[in-house]
C-alpha atoms as a PDB file:
ATOM      1  CA  MET A   1     -16.149 -13.163  21.649  1.00  0.00           C
ATOM      2  CA  VAL A   2     -13.813 -16.048  22.342  1.00  0.00           C
ATOM      3  CA  ILE A   3     -12.009 -18.600  20.207  1.00  0.00           C
ATOM      4  CA  THR A   4     -11.277 -21.801  22.109  1.00  0.00           C
ATOM      5  CA  PRO A   5      -7.986 -23.700  21.771  1.00  0.00           C
ATOM      6  CA  ASP A   6      -9.759 -26.295  19.601  1.00  0.00           C
ATOM      7  CA  GLY A   7     -11.198 -23.630  17.265  1.00  0.00           C
ATOM      8  CA  LYS A   8     -14.775 -23.135  18.477  1.00  0.00           C
ATOM      9  CA  VAL A   9     -16.039 -19.555  18.231  1.00  0.00           C
ATOM     10  CA  LEU A  10     -18.517 -18.081  20.733  1.00  0.00           C
ATOM     11  CA  ILE A  11     -20.055 -14.636  20.349  1.00  0.00           C
ATOM     12  CA  ALA A  12     -22.433 -12.980  22.813  1.00  0.00           C
ATOM     13  CA  ASP A  13     -25.408 -11.609  20.835  1.00  0.00           C
ATOM     14  CA  SER A  14     -26.754  -9.223  23.455  1.00  0.00           C
ATOM     15  CA  ASP A  15     -29.676  -7.842  21.445  1.00  0.00           C
ATOM     16  CA  ASN A  16     -31.069 -11.345  20.894  1.00  0.00           C
ATOM     17  CA  ASN A  17     -30.270 -12.769  24.365  1.00  0.00           C
ATOM     18  CA  ARG A  18     -28.119 -15.616  23.102  1.00  0.00           C
ATOM     19  CA  VAL A  19     -24.590 -16.842  22.570  1.00  0.00           C
ATOM     20  CA  LEU A  20     -23.825 -17.995  19.030  1.00  0.00           C
ATOM     21  CA  VAL A  21     -21.560 -21.033  18.653  1.00  0.00           C
ATOM     22  CA  TRP A  22     -19.539 -22.127  15.636  1.00  0.00           C
ATOM     23  CA  THR A  23     -17.860 -25.513  16.061  1.00  0.00           C
ATOM     24  CA  SER A  24     -15.031 -24.319  13.813  1.00  0.00           C
ATOM     25  CA  PHE A  25     -13.939 -20.896  12.607  1.00  0.00           C
ATOM     26  CA  PRO A  26     -16.377 -19.535   9.976  1.00  0.00           C
ATOM     27  CA  THR A  27     -14.979 -19.729   6.454  1.00  0.00           C
ATOM     28  CA  ILE A  28     -17.322 -17.237   4.757  1.00  0.00           C
ATOM     29  CA  SER A  29     -18.797 -13.890   5.728  1.00  0.00           C
ATOM     30  CA  GLY A  30     -22.302 -14.233   7.126  1.00  0.00           C
ATOM     31  CA  GLN A  31     -21.945 -17.947   7.852  1.00  0.00           C
ATOM     32  CA  PRO A  32     -24.732 -18.915  10.273  1.00  0.00           C
ATOM     33  CA  ALA A  33     -23.789 -20.286  13.668  1.00  0.00           C
ATOM     34  CA  ASP A  34     -23.917 -24.041  14.161  1.00  0.00           C
ATOM     35  CA  TYR A  35     -26.166 -23.538  17.191  1.00  0.00           C
ATOM     36  CA  GLU A  36     -27.009 -21.056  19.910  1.00  0.00           C
ATOM     37  CA  LEU A  37     -27.285 -20.934  23.665  1.00  0.00           C
ATOM     38  CA  PRO A  38     -30.554 -19.076  24.402  1.00  0.00           C
ATOM     39  CA  ILE A  39     -29.655 -17.340  27.653  1.00  0.00           C
ATOM     40  CA  THR A  40     -33.286 -16.637  28.601  1.00  0.00           C
ATOM     41  CA  SER A  41     -33.734 -20.425  28.904  1.00  0.00           C
ATOM     42  CA  TYR A  42     -31.329 -20.345  31.855  1.00  0.00           C
ATOM     43  CA  VAL A  43     -32.319 -17.145  33.665  1.00  0.00           C
ATOM     44  CA  ASN A  44     -35.843 -16.095  34.574  1.00  0.00           C
ATOM     45  CA  PHE A  45     -35.537 -12.670  33.033  1.00  0.00           C
ATOM     46  CA  GLY A  46     -36.906 -11.292  29.751  1.00  0.00           C
ATOM     47  CA  ASP A  47     -33.895  -9.405  28.429  1.00  0.00           C
ATOM     48  CA  SER A  48     -30.804 -11.009  29.912  1.00  0.00           C
ATOM     49  CA  TRP A  49     -28.330  -9.186  27.632  1.00  0.00           C
ATOM     50  CA  PRO A  50     -25.373 -11.592  27.578  1.00  0.00           C
ATOM     51  CA  TRP A  51     -22.217  -9.541  27.442  1.00  0.00           C
ATOM     52  CA  GLY A  52     -19.099 -11.480  28.333  1.00  0.00           C
ATOM     53  CA  VAL A  53     -18.227 -14.987  27.241  1.00  0.00           C
ATOM     54  CA  TRP A  54     -15.199 -17.140  28.124  1.00  0.00           C
ATOM     55  CA  SER A  55     -14.262 -20.725  27.368  1.00  0.00           C
ATOM     56  CA  ASP A  56     -11.233 -22.957  27.553  1.00  0.00           C
ATOM     57  CA  GLY A  57     -12.832 -25.408  25.119  1.00  0.00           C
ATOM     58  CA  THR A  58     -14.449 -27.431  27.904  1.00  0.00           C
ATOM     59  CA  LYS A  59     -15.934 -25.001  30.406  1.00  0.00           C
ATOM     60  CA  VAL A  60     -18.035 -21.993  29.371  1.00  0.00           C
ATOM     61  CA  ILE A  61     -18.854 -18.875  31.399  1.00  0.00           C
ATOM     62  CA  VAL A  62     -21.341 -16.233  30.247  1.00  0.00           C
ATOM     63  CA  THR A  63     -22.282 -13.009  32.013  1.00  0.00           C
ATOM     64  CA  ALA A  64     -25.857 -11.821  31.566  1.00  0.00           C
ATOM     65  CA  THR A  65     -25.695  -8.120  32.373  1.00  0.00           C
ATOM     66  CA  VAL A  66     -29.344  -7.100  32.749  1.00  0.00           C
ATOM     67  CA  ALA A  67     -30.257 -10.382  34.467  1.00  0.00           C
ATOM     68  CA  LYS A  68     -27.332  -9.826  36.862  1.00  0.00           C
ATOM     69  CA  SER A  69     -26.283 -13.452  36.391  1.00  0.00           C
ATOM     70  CA  VAL A  70     -23.194 -15.483  35.649  1.00  0.00           C
ATOM     71  CA  LEU A  71     -23.812 -18.815  33.929  1.00  0.00           C
ATOM     72  CA  PHE A  72     -21.360 -21.721  34.164  1.00  0.00           C
ATOM     73  CA  TRP A  73     -21.156 -24.904  32.099  1.00  0.00           C
ATOM     74  CA  ASN A  74     -18.605 -27.432  33.346  1.00  0.00           C
ATOM     75  CA  THR A  75     -18.753 -29.271  30.021  1.00  0.00           C
ATOM     76  CA  PHE A  76     -19.065 -27.548  26.676  1.00  0.00           C
ATOM     77  CA  PRO A  77     -22.772 -27.197  25.860  1.00  0.00           C
ATOM     78  CA  GLY A  78     -23.909 -28.745  22.611  1.00  0.00           C
ATOM     79  CA  PRO A  79     -26.970 -28.089  20.463  1.00  0.00           C
ATOM     80  CA  SER A  80     -29.225 -30.239  22.641  1.00  0.00           C
ATOM     81  CA  THR A  81     -28.093 -28.543  25.874  1.00  0.00           C
ATOM     82  CA  GLY A  82     -28.164 -25.093  24.345  1.00  0.00           C
ATOM     83  CA  SER A  83     -31.689 -24.986  23.010  1.00  0.00           C
END
């Protein structure tokens, strides 16, 4: 999990092969993510198991453990680039 300087929240959801993104900090328990980054769309591997996530608010790095991959975005991915 990471909280960016501008308040975005990213959580690696390993069991579902995705990174959940909230554009601002959730205000209620169980609040759905604003969008997701489906990691299997970026790696040719069934269960990628994203584990680590880092962002400075612009760049994003995700490690996909089972897929043995590191994914880089030089600009923060939005809903259209994430799905």
